[in-house]
Amino acid sequence: MRLHIAILLLTLHCLAQACEPEQAQNGCKIYGAACTCGYGCKTEYIYRTRRSCLNALRERSSNVCSRKPCMRGICTQTVQEPGFACKCEGTGYYGQRCEKACPTAAWRGLVFPHECVVI
């Protein structure tokens, strides 16, 4: 049990480190067809309370992810334009909507998309 708590605290610490200190907060976000609450960046956890997240979930038209803008991957609603982010990792694709196929050979002089790196 203590190991699980330590892992959870470490995970929360790492998530908070991905944001500027003043940009981290407790909050909720629409993830798929549910509200997920936790600690992370304000741009991802845009709802301050579970109730406000559930209200937004009921108003599916306000959730850009309900229109399925991602060709592949997972859509997450964000505050920044265009109002969503597609998480392409593990799909074999990259790009704003996970629309570009990952290269099969090393690119010459170009940066390899991080979504295409398989660990």
PDB file of N, CA and C in Angstrom:
ATOM      1  N   MET A   1       0.824  -1.188   0.000  1.00  0.00           N
ATOM      2  CA  MET A   1       0.000   0.000   0.000  1.00  0.00           C
ATOM      3  C   MET A   1       0.874   1.261   0.000  1.00  0.00           C
ATOM      4  N   ARG A   2       1.912   1.281   0.826  1.00  0.00           N
ATOM      5  CA  ARG A   2       2.785   2.455   0.874  1.00  0.00           C
ATOM      6  C   ARG A   2       3.494   2.662  -0.455  1.00  0.00           C
ATOM      7  N   LEU A   3       3.837   1.558  -1.124  1.00  0.00           N
ATOM      8  CA  LEU A   3       4.485   1.664  -2.428  1.00  0.00           C
ATOM      9  C   LEU A   3       3.555   2.337  -3.427  1.00  0.00           C
ATOM     10  N   HIS A   4       2.263   1.954  -3.402  1.00  0.00           N
ATOM     11  CA  HIS A   4       1.290   2.560  -4.307  1.00  0.00           C
ATOM     12  C   HIS A   4       1.152   4.051  -4.042  1.00  0.00           C
ATOM     13  N   ILE A   5       1.139   4.446  -2.784  1.00  0.00           N
ATOM     14  CA  ILE A   5       1.028   5.864  -2.441  1.00  0.00           C
ATOM     15  C   ILE A   5       2.274   6.609  -2.902  1.00  0.00           C
ATOM     16  N   ALA A   6       3.451   6.001  -2.706  1.00  0.00           N
ATOM     17  CA  ALA A   6       4.692   6.639  -3.147  1.00  0.00           C
ATOM     18  C   ALA A   6       4.712   6.812  -4.658  1.00  0.00           C
ATOM     19  N   ILE A   7       4.263   5.805  -5.374  1.00  0.00           N
ATOM     20  CA  ILE A   7       4.212   5.888  -6.845  1.00  0.00           C
ATOM     21  C   ILE A   7       3.236   6.969  -7.276  1.00  0.00           C
ATOM     22  N   LEU A   8       2.074   7.043  -6.616  1.00  0.00           N
ATOM     23  CA  LEU A   8       1.083   8.061  -6.941  1.00  0.00           C
ATOM     24  C   LEU A   8       1.648   9.457  -6.705  1.00  0.00           C
ATOM     25  N   LEU A   9       2.315   9.669  -5.571  1.00  0.00           N
ATOM     26  CA  LEU A   9       2.903  10.977  -5.276  1.00  0.00           C
ATOM     27  C   LEU A   9       3.987  11.335  -6.284  1.00  0.00           C
ATOM     28  N   LEU A  10       4.799  10.364  -6.662  1.00  0.00           N
ATOM     29  CA  LEU A  10       5.842  10.606  -7.658  1.00  0.00           C
ATOM     30  C   LEU A  10       5.226  10.964  -8.999  1.00  0.00           C
ATOM     31  N   THR A  11       4.164  10.266  -9.377  1.00  0.00           N
ATOM     32  CA  THR A  11       3.474  10.549 -10.635  1.00  0.00           C
ATOM     33  C   THR A  11       2.905  11.963 -10.624  1.00  0.00           C
ATOM     34  N   LEU A  12       2.249  12.344  -9.510  1.00  0.00           N
ATOM     35  CA  LEU A  12       1.696  13.693  -9.412  1.00  0.00           C
ATOM     36  C   LEU A  12       2.803  14.737  -9.491  1.00  0.00           C
ATOM     37  N   HIS A  13       3.927  14.465  -8.850  1.00  0.00           N
ATOM     38  CA  HIS A  13       5.048  15.395  -8.890  1.00  0.00           C
ATOM     39  C   HIS A  13       5.562  15.546 -10.326  1.00  0.00           C
ATOM     40  N   CYS A  14       5.695  14.430 -11.034  1.00  0.00           N
ATOM     41  CA  CYS A  14       6.179  14.474 -12.426  1.00  0.00           C
ATOM     42  C   CYS A  14       5.198  15.207 -13.325  1.00  0.00           C
ATOM     43  N   LEU A  15       3.896  14.980 -13.117  1.00  0.00           N
ATOM     44  CA  LEU A  15       2.900  15.683 -13.923  1.00  0.00           C
ATOM     45  C   LEU A  15       2.987  17.181 -13.696  1.00  0.00           C
ATOM     46  N   ALA A  16       3.162  17.563 -12.448  1.00  0.00           N
ATOM     47  CA  ALA A  16       3.253  18.990 -12.141  1.00  0.00           C
ATOM     48  C   ALA A  16       4.522  19.584 -12.740  1.00  0.00           C
ATOM     49  N   GLN A  17       5.595  18.804 -12.844  1.00  0.00           N
ATOM     50  CA  GLN A  17       6.841  19.309 -13.386  1.00  0.00           C
ATOM     51  C   GLN A  17       6.729  19.573 -14.887  1.00  0.00           C
ATOM     52  N   ALA A  18       5.749  18.977 -15.559  1.00  0.00           N
ATOM     53  CA  ALA A  18       5.567  19.183 -16.997  1.00  0.00           C
ATOM     54  C   ALA A  18       5.007  20.581 -17.281  1.00  0.00           C
ATOM     55  N   CYS A  19       4.540  21.262 -16.260  1.00  0.00           N
ATOM     56  CA  CYS A  19       3.979  22.605 -16.393  1.00  0.00           C
ATOM     57  C   CYS A  19       4.879  23.591 -15.666  1.00  0.00           C
ATOM     58  N   GLU A  20       4.715  24.838 -16.034  1.00  0.00           N
ATOM     59  CA  GLU A  20       5.318  25.889 -15.225  1.00  0.00           C
ATOM     60  C   GLU A  20       4.621  25.847 -13.870  1.00  0.00           C
ATOM     61  N   PRO A  21       5.332  26.106 -12.770  1.00  0.00           N
ATOM     62  CA  PRO A  21       4.717  26.001 -11.440  1.00  0.00           C
ATOM     63  C   PRO A  21       3.389  26.743 -11.306  1.00  0.00           C
ATOM     64  N   GLU A  22       3.286  27.941 -11.884  1.00  0.00           N
ATOM     65  CA  GLU A  22       2.042  28.699 -11.765  1.00  0.00           C
ATOM     66  C   GLU A  22       0.944  28.180 -12.701  1.00  0.00           C
ATOM     67  N   GLN A  23       1.278  27.211 -13.561  1.00  0.00           N
ATOM     68  CA  GLN A  23       0.310  26.650 -14.505  1.00  0.00           C
ATOM     69  C   GLN A  23      -0.263  25.307 -14.064  1.00  0.00           C
ATOM     70  N   ALA A  24       0.172  24.790 -12.914  1.00  0.00           N
ATOM     71  CA  ALA A  24      -0.328  23.505 -12.416  1.00  0.00           C
ATOM     72  C   ALA A  24      -1.493  23.741 -11.462  1.00  0.00           C
ATOM     73  N   GLN A  25      -2.470  22.841 -11.507  1.00  0.00           N
ATOM     74  CA  GLN A  25      -3.628  22.978 -10.623  1.00  0.00           C
ATOM     75  C   GLN A  25      -4.358  21.650 -10.499  1.00  0.00           C
ATOM     76  N   ASN A  26      -5.187  21.543  -9.466  1.00  0.00           N
ATOM     77  CA  ASN A  26      -6.145  20.452  -9.354  1.00  0.00           C
ATOM     78  C   ASN A  26      -7.307  20.831 -10.245  1.00  0.00           C
ATOM     79  N   GLY A  27      -7.873  19.863 -10.933  1.00  0.00           N
ATOM     80  CA  GLY A  27      -9.004  20.154 -11.790  1.00  0.00           C
ATOM     81  C   GLY A  27      -9.504  18.902 -12.474  1.00  0.00           C
ATOM     82  N   CYS A  28     -10.355  19.093 -13.455  1.00  0.00           N
ATOM     83  CA  CYS A  28     -10.947  17.979 -14.195  1.00  0.00           C
ATOM     84  C   CYS A  28     -10.879  18.277 -15.684  1.00  0.00           C
ATOM     85  N   LYS A  29     -10.960  17.220 -16.480  1.00  0.00           N
ATOM     86  CA  LYS A  29     -10.977  17.358 -17.930  1.00  0.00           C
ATOM     87  C   LYS A  29     -11.902  16.305 -18.503  1.00  0.00           C
ATOM     88  N   ILE A  30     -12.393  16.572 -19.688  1.00  0.00           N
ATOM     89  CA  ILE A  30     -13.204  15.578 -20.396  1.00  0.00           C
ATOM     90  C   ILE A  30     -12.233  14.661 -21.109  1.00  0.00           C
ATOM     91  N   TYR A  31     -12.307  13.381 -20.802  1.00  0.00           N
ATOM     92  CA  TYR A  31     -11.417  12.377 -21.386  1.00  0.00           C
ATOM     93  C   TYR A  31     -12.293  11.274 -21.933  1.00  0.00           C
ATOM     94  N   GLY A  32     -12.415  11.236 -23.252  1.00  0.00           N
ATOM     95  CA  GLY A  32     -13.330  10.271 -23.867  1.00  0.00           C
ATOM     96  C   GLY A  32     -14.759  10.673 -23.563  1.00  0.00           C
ATOM     97  N   ALA A  33     -15.490   9.810 -22.865  1.00  0.00           N
ATOM     98  CA  ALA A  33     -16.888  10.086 -22.529  1.00  0.00           C
ATOM     99  C   ALA A  33     -17.082  10.285 -21.036  1.00  0.00           C
ATOM    100  N   ALA A  34     -16.010  10.668 -20.309  1.00  0.00           N
ATOM    101  CA  ALA A  34     -16.102  10.829 -18.864  1.00  0.00           C
ATOM    102  C   ALA A  34     -15.263  12.016 -18.405  1.00  0.00           C
ATOM    103  N   CYS A  35     -15.523  12.446 -17.187  1.00  0.00           N
ATOM    104  CA  CYS A  35     -14.711  13.482 -16.561  1.00  0.00           C
ATOM    105  C   CYS A  35     -13.635  12.803 -15.730  1.00  0.00           C
ATOM    106  N   THR A  36     -12.402  13.196 -15.955  1.00  0.00           N
ATOM    107  CA  THR A  36     -11.263  12.694 -15.196  1.00  0.00           C
ATOM    108  C   THR A  36     -10.694  13.853 -14.404  1.00  0.00           C
ATOM    109  N   CYS A  37     -10.548  13.647 -13.108  1.00  0.00           N
ATOM    110  CA  CYS A  37     -10.041  14.708 -12.254  1.00  0.00           C
ATOM    111  C   CYS A  37      -8.665  14.320 -11.729  1.00  0.00           C
ATOM    112  N   GLY A  38      -7.821  15.328 -11.534  1.00  0.00           N
ATOM    113  CA  GLY A  38      -6.480  15.072 -11.049  1.00  0.00           C
ATOM    114  C   GLY A  38      -5.697  16.364 -10.925  1.00  0.00           C
ATOM    115  N   TYR A  39      -4.392  16.239 -11.000  1.00  0.00           N
ATOM    116  CA  TYR A  39      -3.492  17.375 -10.860  1.00  0.00           C
ATOM    117  C   TYR A  39      -2.661  17.464 -12.124  1.00  0.00           C
ATOM    118  N   GLY A  40      -2.618  18.634 -12.737  1.00  0.00           N
ATOM    119  CA  GLY A  40      -1.846  18.795 -13.958  1.00  0.00           C
ATOM    120  C   GLY A  40      -1.899  20.229 -14.454  1.00  0.00           C
ATOM    121  N   CYS A  41      -1.600  20.416 -15.706  1.00  0.00           N
ATOM    122  CA  CYS A  41      -1.551  21.751 -16.304  1.00  0.00           C
ATOM    123  C   CYS A  41      -2.952  22.332 -16.469  1.00  0.00           C
ATOM    124  N   LYS A  42      -3.067  23.645 -16.253  1.00  0.00           N
ATOM    125  CA  LYS A  42      -4.351  24.332 -16.407  1.00  0.00           C
ATOM    126  C   LYS A  42      -4.903  24.165 -17.813  1.00  0.00           C
ATOM    127  N   THR A  43      -4.024  24.072 -18.802  1.00  0.00           N
ATOM    128  CA  THR A  43      -4.493  23.952 -20.178  1.00  0.00           C
ATOM    129  C   THR A  43      -5.135  22.609 -20.453  1.00  0.00           C
ATOM    130  N   GLU A  44      -4.835  21.606 -19.621  1.00  0.00           N
ATOM    131  CA  GLU A  44      -5.426  20.286 -19.809  1.00  0.00           C
ATOM    132  C   GLU A  44      -6.572  20.042 -18.823  1.00  0.00           C
ATOM    133  N   TYR A  45      -6.385  20.435 -17.568  1.00  0.00           N
ATOM    134  CA  TYR A  45      -7.417  20.279 -16.538  1.00  0.00           C
ATOM    135  C   TYR A  45      -8.178  21.601 -16.435  1.00  0.00           C
ATOM    136  N   ILE A  46      -9.025  21.848 -17.427  1.00  0.00           N
ATOM    137  CA  ILE A  46      -9.626  23.176 -17.582  1.00  0.00           C
ATOM    138  C   ILE A  46     -10.806  23.420 -16.652  1.00  0.00           C
ATOM    139  N   TYR A  47     -11.402  22.378 -16.093  1.00  0.00           N
ATOM    140  CA  TYR A  47     -12.546  22.553 -15.201  1.00  0.00           C
ATOM    141  C   TYR A  47     -12.067  22.512 -13.756  1.00  0.00           C
ATOM    142  N   ARG A  48     -12.468  23.499 -12.977  1.00  0.00           N
ATOM    143  CA  ARG A  48     -12.014  23.592 -11.586  1.00  0.00           C
ATOM    144  C   ARG A  48     -12.704  22.561 -10.690  1.00  0.00           C
ATOM    145  N   THR A  49     -13.914  22.146 -11.043  1.00  0.00           N
ATOM    146  CA  THR A  49     -14.654  21.187 -10.215  1.00  0.00           C
ATOM    147  C   THR A  49     -15.220  20.072 -11.077  1.00  0.00           C
ATOM    148  N   ARG A  50     -15.515  18.951 -10.419  1.00  0.00           N
ATOM    149  CA  ARG A  50     -16.152  17.825 -11.120  1.00  0.00           C
ATOM    150  C   ARG A  50     -17.514  18.252 -11.652  1.00  0.00           C
ATOM    151  N   ARG A  51     -18.250  19.051 -10.874  1.00  0.00           N
ATOM    152  CA  ARG A  51     -19.577  19.490 -11.299  1.00  0.00           C
ATOM    153  C   ARG A  51     -19.510  20.280 -12.603  1.00  0.00           C
ATOM    154  N   SER A  52     -18.559  21.204 -12.721  1.00  0.00           N
ATOM    155  CA  SER A  52     -18.453  21.991 -13.956  1.00  0.00           C
ATOM    156  C   SER A  52     -18.041  21.108 -15.130  1.00  0.00           C
ATOM    157  N   CYS A  53     -17.218  20.105 -14.878  1.00  0.00           N
ATOM    158  CA  CYS A  53     -16.833  19.169 -15.933  1.00  0.00           C
ATOM    159  C   CYS A  53     -18.044  18.355 -16.387  1.00  0.00           C
ATOM    160  N   LEU A  54     -18.818  17.863 -15.428  1.00  0.00           N
ATOM    161  CA  LEU A  54     -20.011  17.076 -15.768  1.00  0.00           C
ATOM    162  C   LEU A  54     -21.033  17.920 -16.521  1.00  0.00           C
ATOM    163  N   ASN A  55     -21.173  19.183 -16.146  1.00  0.00           N
ATOM    164  CA  ASN A  55     -22.078  20.078 -16.884  1.00  0.00           C
ATOM    165  C   ASN A  55     -21.619  20.229 -18.326  1.00  0.00           C
ATOM    166  N   ALA A  56     -20.323  20.410 -18.525  1.00  0.00           N
ATOM    167  CA  ALA A  56     -19.790  20.530 -19.887  1.00  0.00           C
ATOM    168  C   ALA A  56     -19.969  19.217 -20.657  1.00  0.00           C
ATOM    169  N   LEU A  57     -19.830  18.104 -19.964  1.00  0.00           N
ATOM    170  CA  LEU A  57     -19.996  16.800 -20.610  1.00  0.00           C
ATOM    171  C   LEU A  57     -21.440  16.624 -21.082  1.00  0.00           C
ATOM    172  N   ARG A  58     -22.386  17.122 -20.298  1.00  0.00           N
ATOM    173  CA  ARG A  58     -23.799  17.049 -20.693  1.00  0.00           C
ATOM    174  C   ARG A  58     -24.061  17.902 -21.935  1.00  0.00           C
ATOM    175  N   GLU A  59     -23.322  18.985 -22.057  1.00  0.00           N
ATOM    176  CA  GLU A  59     -23.449  19.868 -23.225  1.00  0.00           C
ATOM    177  C   GLU A  59     -22.415  19.445 -24.258  1.00  0.00           C
ATOM    178  N   ARG A  60     -22.542  18.257 -24.776  1.00  0.00           N
ATOM    179  CA  ARG A  60     -21.523  17.685 -25.663  1.00  0.00           C
ATOM    180  C   ARG A  60     -21.178  18.589 -26.843  1.00  0.00           C
ATOM    181  N   SER A  61     -22.074  19.444 -27.243  1.00  0.00           N
ATOM    182  CA  SER A  61     -21.763  20.316 -28.376  1.00  0.00           C
ATOM    183  C   SER A  61     -20.639  21.289 -28.034  1.00  0.00           C
ATOM    184  N   SER A  62     -20.433  21.568 -26.736  1.00  0.00           N
ATOM    185  CA  SER A  62     -19.365  22.471 -26.347  1.00  0.00           C
ATOM    186  C   SER A  62     -18.018  21.764 -26.292  1.00  0.00           C
ATOM    187  N   ASN A  63     -18.040  20.450 -26.386  1.00  0.00           N
ATOM    188  CA  ASN A  63     -16.803  19.672 -26.345  1.00  0.00           C
ATOM    189  C   ASN A  63     -16.377  19.359 -27.775  1.00  0.00           C
ATOM    190  N   VAL A  64     -15.334  20.019 -28.225  1.00  0.00           N
ATOM    191  CA  VAL A  64     -14.857  19.832 -29.597  1.00  0.00           C
ATOM    192  C   VAL A  64     -14.492  18.375 -29.877  1.00  0.00           C
ATOM    193  N   CYS A  65     -14.105  17.610 -28.855  1.00  0.00           N
ATOM    194  CA  CYS A  65     -13.732  16.201 -29.058  1.00  0.00           C
ATOM    195  C   CYS A  65     -14.928  15.345 -29.460  1.00  0.00           C
ATOM    196  N   SER A  66     -16.143  15.802 -29.146  1.00  0.00           N
ATOM    197  CA  SER A  66     -17.322  15.033 -29.542  1.00  0.00           C
ATOM    198  C   SER A  66     -17.480  15.003 -31.059  1.00  0.00           C
ATOM    199  N   ARG A  67     -16.823  15.949 -31.749  1.00  0.00           N
ATOM    200  CA  ARG A  67     -16.854  15.969 -33.221  1.00  0.00           C
ATOM    201  C   ARG A  67     -15.777  15.082 -33.837  1.00  0.00           C
ATOM    202  N   LYS A  68     -14.989  14.421 -32.978  1.00  0.00           N
ATOM    203  CA  LYS A  68     -13.937  13.486 -33.386  1.00  0.00           C
ATOM    204  C   LYS A  68     -12.942  14.103 -34.374  1.00  0.00           C
ATOM    205  N   PRO A  69     -12.226  15.156 -33.946  1.00  0.00           N
ATOM    206  CA  PRO A  69     -11.273  15.803 -34.846  1.00  0.00           C
ATOM    207  C   PRO A  69      -9.997  14.991 -35.080  1.00  0.00           C
ATOM    208  N   CYS A  70      -9.705  14.045 -34.188  1.00  0.00           N
ATOM    209  CA  CYS A  70      -8.483  13.240 -34.327  1.00  0.00           C
ATOM    210  C   CYS A  70      -8.767  12.049 -35.243  1.00  0.00           C
ATOM    211  N   MET A  71      -7.926  11.875 -36.250  1.00  0.00           N
ATOM    212  CA  MET A  71      -8.100  10.739 -37.147  1.00  0.00           C
ATOM    213  C   MET A  71      -7.762   9.435 -36.434  1.00  0.00           C
ATOM    214  N   ARG A  72      -6.817   9.518 -35.496  1.00  0.00           N
ATOM    215  CA  ARG A  72      -6.394   8.378 -34.674  1.00  0.00           C
ATOM    216  C   ARG A  72      -6.022   8.942 -33.311  1.00  0.00           C
ATOM    217  N   GLY A  73      -5.748   8.094 -32.358  1.00  0.00           N
ATOM    218  CA  GLY A  73      -5.298   8.564 -31.055  1.00  0.00           C
ATOM    219  C   GLY A  73      -6.440   9.008 -30.164  1.00  0.00           C
ATOM    220  N   ILE A  74      -6.086   9.759 -29.124  1.00  0.00           N
ATOM    221  CA  ILE A  74      -7.044  10.188 -28.113  1.00  0.00           C
ATOM    222  C   ILE A  74      -7.158  11.706 -28.145  1.00  0.00           C
ATOM    223  N   CYS A  75      -8.381  12.193 -28.180  1.00  0.00           N
ATOM    224  CA  CYS A  75      -8.648  13.628 -28.185  1.00  0.00           C
ATOM    225  C   CYS A  75      -8.825  14.110 -26.752  1.00  0.00           C
ATOM    226  N   THR A  76      -8.183  15.237 -26.438  1.00  0.00           N
ATOM    227  CA  THR A  76      -8.351  15.888 -25.147  1.00  0.00           C
ATOM    228  C   THR A  76      -8.728  17.332 -25.396  1.00  0.00           C
ATOM    229  N   GLN A  77      -9.788  17.797 -24.732  1.00  0.00           N
ATOM    230  CA  GLN A  77     -10.221  19.177 -24.869  1.00  0.00           C
ATOM    231  C   GLN A  77      -9.220  20.090 -24.168  1.00  0.00           C
ATOM    232  N   THR A  78      -8.892  21.213 -24.793  1.00  0.00           N
ATOM    233  CA  THR A  78      -7.957  22.181 -24.210  1.00  0.00           C
ATOM    234  C   THR A  78      -8.535  23.593 -24.304  1.00  0.00           C
ATOM    235  N   VAL A  79      -7.950  24.509 -23.572  1.00  0.00           N
ATOM    236  CA  VAL A  79      -8.361  25.912 -23.616  1.00  0.00           C
ATOM    237  C   VAL A  79      -7.775  26.594 -24.842  1.00  0.00           C
ATOM    238  N   GLN A  80      -6.557  26.193 -25.216  1.00  0.00           N
ATOM    239  CA  GLN A  80      -5.868  26.823 -26.343  1.00  0.00           C
ATOM    240  C   GLN A  80      -6.478  26.395 -27.673  1.00  0.00           C
ATOM    241  N   GLU A  81      -6.376  27.294 -28.654  1.00  0.00           N
ATOM    242  CA  GLU A  81      -6.869  26.979 -30.003  1.00  0.00           C
ATOM    243  C   GLU A  81      -6.086  25.800 -30.562  1.00  0.00           C
ATOM    244  N   PRO A  82      -6.696  24.881 -31.249  1.00  0.00           N
ATOM    245  CA  PRO A  82      -8.063  24.864 -31.758  1.00  0.00           C
ATOM    246  C   PRO A  82      -9.082  24.266 -30.784  1.00  0.00           C
ATOM    247  N   GLY A  83      -8.732  24.132 -29.494  1.00  0.00           N
ATOM    248  CA  GLY A  83      -9.678  23.630 -28.496  1.00  0.00           C
ATOM    249  C   GLY A  83      -9.526  22.155 -28.205  1.00  0.00           C
ATOM    250  N   PHE A  84      -8.541  21.493 -28.833  1.00  0.00           N
ATOM    251  CA  PHE A  84      -8.303  20.075 -28.600  1.00  0.00           C
ATOM    252  C   PHE A  84      -6.834  19.759 -28.854  1.00  0.00           C
ATOM    253  N   ALA A  85      -6.428  18.621 -28.351  1.00  0.00           N
ATOM    254  CA  ALA A  85      -5.093  18.086 -28.643  1.00  0.00           C
ATOM    255  C   ALA A  85      -5.255  16.589 -28.876  1.00  0.00           C
ATOM    256  N   CYS A  86      -4.599  16.080 -29.904  1.00  0.00           N
ATOM    257  CA  CYS A  86      -4.638  14.647 -30.204  1.00  0.00           C
ATOM    258  C   CYS A  86      -3.363  13.998 -29.664  1.00  0.00           C
ATOM    259  N   LYS A  87      -3.521  12.954 -28.900  1.00  0.00           N
ATOM    260  CA  LYS A  87      -2.373  12.203 -28.392  1.00  0.00           C
ATOM    261  C   LYS A  87      -2.180  11.012 -29.321  1.00  0.00           C
ATOM    262  N   CYS A  88      -1.117  11.063 -30.117  1.00  0.00           N
ATOM    263  CA  CYS A  88      -0.892  10.085 -31.182  1.00  0.00           C
ATOM    264  C   CYS A  88       0.023   8.929 -30.774  1.00  0.00           C
ATOM    265  N   GLU A  89       0.684   9.030 -29.630  1.00  0.00           N
ATOM    266  CA  GLU A  89       1.674   8.032 -29.238  1.00  0.00           C
ATOM    267  C   GLU A  89       1.111   6.618 -29.353  1.00  0.00           C
ATOM    268  N   GLY A  90       1.885   5.740 -29.949  1.00  0.00           N
ATOM    269  CA  GLY A  90       1.504   4.339 -30.082  1.00  0.00           C
ATOM    270  C   GLY A  90       0.581   4.027 -31.243  1.00  0.00           C
ATOM    271  N   THR A  91       0.236   5.021 -32.070  1.00  0.00           N
ATOM    272  CA  THR A  91      -0.670   4.781 -33.192  1.00  0.00           C
ATOM    273  C   THR A  91       0.061   4.560 -34.511  1.00  0.00           C
ATOM    274  N   GLY A  92       1.342   4.976 -34.568  1.00  0.00           N
ATOM    275  CA  GLY A  92       2.074   4.915 -35.828  1.00  0.00           C
ATOM    276  C   GLY A  92       1.858   6.146 -36.681  1.00  0.00           C
ATOM    277  N   TYR A  93       1.227   7.171 -36.090  1.00  0.00           N
ATOM    278  CA  TYR A  93       0.948   8.414 -36.797  1.00  0.00           C
ATOM    279  C   TYR A  93       1.332   9.595 -35.926  1.00  0.00           C
ATOM    280  N   TYR A  94       1.474  10.782 -36.539  1.00  0.00           N
ATOM    281  CA  TYR A  94       1.748  12.015 -35.819  1.00  0.00           C
ATOM    282  C   TYR A  94       1.050  13.153 -36.544  1.00  0.00           C
ATOM    283  N   GLY A  95       1.157  14.355 -36.003  1.00  0.00           N
ATOM    284  CA  GLY A  95       0.515  15.525 -36.590  1.00  0.00           C
ATOM    285  C   GLY A  95      -0.589  16.031 -35.679  1.00  0.00           C
ATOM    286  N   GLN A  96      -1.131  17.203 -35.988  1.00  0.00           N
ATOM    287  CA  GLN A  96      -2.152  17.820 -35.141  1.00  0.00           C
ATOM    288  C   GLN A  96      -3.362  16.902 -34.960  1.00  0.00           C
ATOM    289  N   ARG A  97      -3.713  16.140 -36.005  1.00  0.00           N
ATOM    290  CA  ARG A  97      -4.869  15.244 -35.940  1.00  0.00           C
ATOM    291  C   ARG A  97      -4.465  13.766 -36.086  1.00  0.00           C
ATOM    292  N   CYS A  98      -3.181  13.485 -35.854  1.00  0.00           N
ATOM    293  CA  CYS A  98      -2.638  12.126 -36.026  1.00  0.00           C
ATOM    294  C   CYS A  98      -2.894  11.635 -37.450  1.00  0.00           C
ATOM    295  N   GLU A  99      -2.652  12.529 -38.412  1.00  0.00           N
ATOM    296  CA  GLU A  99      -2.970  12.232 -39.811  1.00  0.00           C
ATOM    297  C   GLU A  99      -1.761  11.843 -40.646  1.00  0.00           C
ATOM    298  N   LYS A 100      -0.549  12.034 -40.129  1.00  0.00           N
ATOM    299  CA  LYS A 100       0.657  11.748 -40.909  1.00  0.00           C
ATOM    300  C   LYS A 100       1.278  10.431 -40.448  1.00  0.00           C
ATOM    301  N   ALA A 101       1.569   9.563 -41.398  1.00  0.00           N
ATOM    302  CA  ALA A 101       2.176   8.272 -41.062  1.00  0.00           C
ATOM    303  C   ALA A 101       3.612   8.467 -40.590  1.00  0.00           C
ATOM    304  N   CYS A 102       3.988   7.738 -39.556  1.00  0.00           N
ATOM    305  CA  CYS A 102       5.366   7.807 -39.060  1.00  0.00           C
ATOM    306  C   CYS A 102       6.309   7.267 -40.121  1.00  0.00           C
ATOM    307  N   PRO A 103       7.484   7.871 -40.251  1.00  0.00           N
ATOM    308  CA  PRO A 103       8.456   7.373 -41.231  1.00  0.00           C
ATOM    309  C   PRO A 103       8.984   6.007 -40.817  1.00  0.00           C
ATOM    310  N   THR A 104       9.312   5.206 -41.802  1.00  0.00           N
ATOM    311  CA  THR A 104       9.846   3.867 -41.521  1.00  0.00           C
ATOM    312  C   THR A 104      11.364   3.855 -41.549  1.00  0.00           C
ATOM    313  N   ALA A 105      11.980   4.891 -42.115  1.00  0.00           N
ATOM    314  CA  ALA A 105      13.441   4.995 -42.163  1.00  0.00           C
ATOM    315  C   ALA A 105      13.854   6.328 -41.555  1.00  0.00           C
ATOM    316  N   ALA A 106      15.106   6.421 -41.157  1.00  0.00           N
ATOM    317  CA  ALA A 106      15.612   7.654 -40.557  1.00  0.00           C
ATOM    318  C   ALA A 106      15.500   8.803 -41.547  1.00  0.00           C
ATOM    319  N   TRP A 107      15.084   9.939 -41.072  1.00  0.00           N
ATOM    320  CA  TRP A 107      14.981  11.129 -41.895  1.00  0.00           C
ATOM    321  C   TRP A 107      16.352  11.760 -42.008  1.00  0.00           C
ATOM    322  N   ARG A 108      16.649  12.299 -43.131  1.00  0.00           N
ATOM    323  CA  ARG A 108      17.941  12.963 -43.326  1.00  0.00           C
ATOM    324  C   ARG A 108      17.844  14.416 -42.897  1.00  0.00           C
ATOM    325  N   GLY A 109      18.530  14.751 -41.798  1.00  0.00           N
ATOM    326  CA  GLY A 109      18.588  16.126 -41.335  1.00  0.00           C
ATOM    327  C   GLY A 109      17.327  16.665 -40.689  1.00  0.00           C
ATOM    328  N   LEU A 110      16.295  15.859 -40.548  1.00  0.00           N
ATOM    329  CA  LEU A 110      15.060  16.327 -39.938  1.00  0.00           C
ATOM    330  C   LEU A 110      14.870  15.675 -38.570  1.00  0.00           C
ATOM    331  N   VAL A 111      14.117  16.324 -37.731  1.00  0.00           N
ATOM    332  CA  VAL A 111      13.833  15.785 -36.403  1.00  0.00           C
ATOM    333  C   VAL A 111      12.773  14.701 -36.532  1.00  0.00           C
ATOM    334  N   PHE A 112      13.040  13.556 -35.930  1.00  0.00           N
ATOM    335  CA  PHE A 112      12.091  12.441 -35.945  1.00  0.00           C
ATOM    336  C   PHE A 112      10.954  12.772 -34.982  1.00  0.00           C
ATOM    337  N   PRO A 113       9.688  12.688 -35.408  1.00  0.00           N
ATOM    338  CA  PRO A 113       8.567  13.044 -34.528  1.00  0.00           C
ATOM    339  C   PRO A 113       8.564  12.185 -33.256  1.00  0.00           C
ATOM    340  N   HIS A 114       8.420  12.837 -32.095  1.00  0.00           N
ATOM    341  CA  HIS A 114       8.467  12.086 -30.835  1.00  0.00           C
ATOM    342  C   HIS A 114       7.312  11.078 -30.718  1.00  0.00           C
ATOM    343  N   GLU A 115       6.175  11.347 -31.355  1.00  0.00           N
ATOM    344  CA  GLU A 115       5.052  10.411 -31.309  1.00  0.00           C
ATOM    345  C   GLU A 115       5.394   9.076 -31.975  1.00  0.00           C
ATOM    346  N   CYS A 116       6.426   9.079 -32.821  1.00  0.00           N
ATOM    347  CA  CYS A 116       6.783   7.891 -33.584  1.00  0.00           C
ATOM    348  C   CYS A 116       7.847   7.048 -32.883  1.00  0.00           C
ATOM    349  N   VAL A 117       8.391   7.548 -31.790  1.00  0.00           N
ATOM    350  CA  VAL A 117       9.425   6.807 -31.070  1.00  0.00           C
ATOM    351  C   VAL A 117       8.741   5.757 -30.211  1.00  0.00           C
ATOM    352  N   VAL A 118       9.129   4.501 -30.388  1.00  0.00           N
ATOM    353  CA  VAL A 118       8.575   3.403 -29.611  1.00  0.00           C
ATOM    354  C   VAL A 118       9.639   2.948 -28.627  1.00  0.00           C
ATOM    355  N   ILE A 119       9.267   2.961 -27.359  1.00  0.00           N
ATOM    356  CA  ILE A 119      10.222   2.563 -26.323  1.00  0.00           C
ATOM    357  C   ILE A 119       9.847   1.190 -25.802  1.00  0.00           C
TER     358      ILE A 119
END
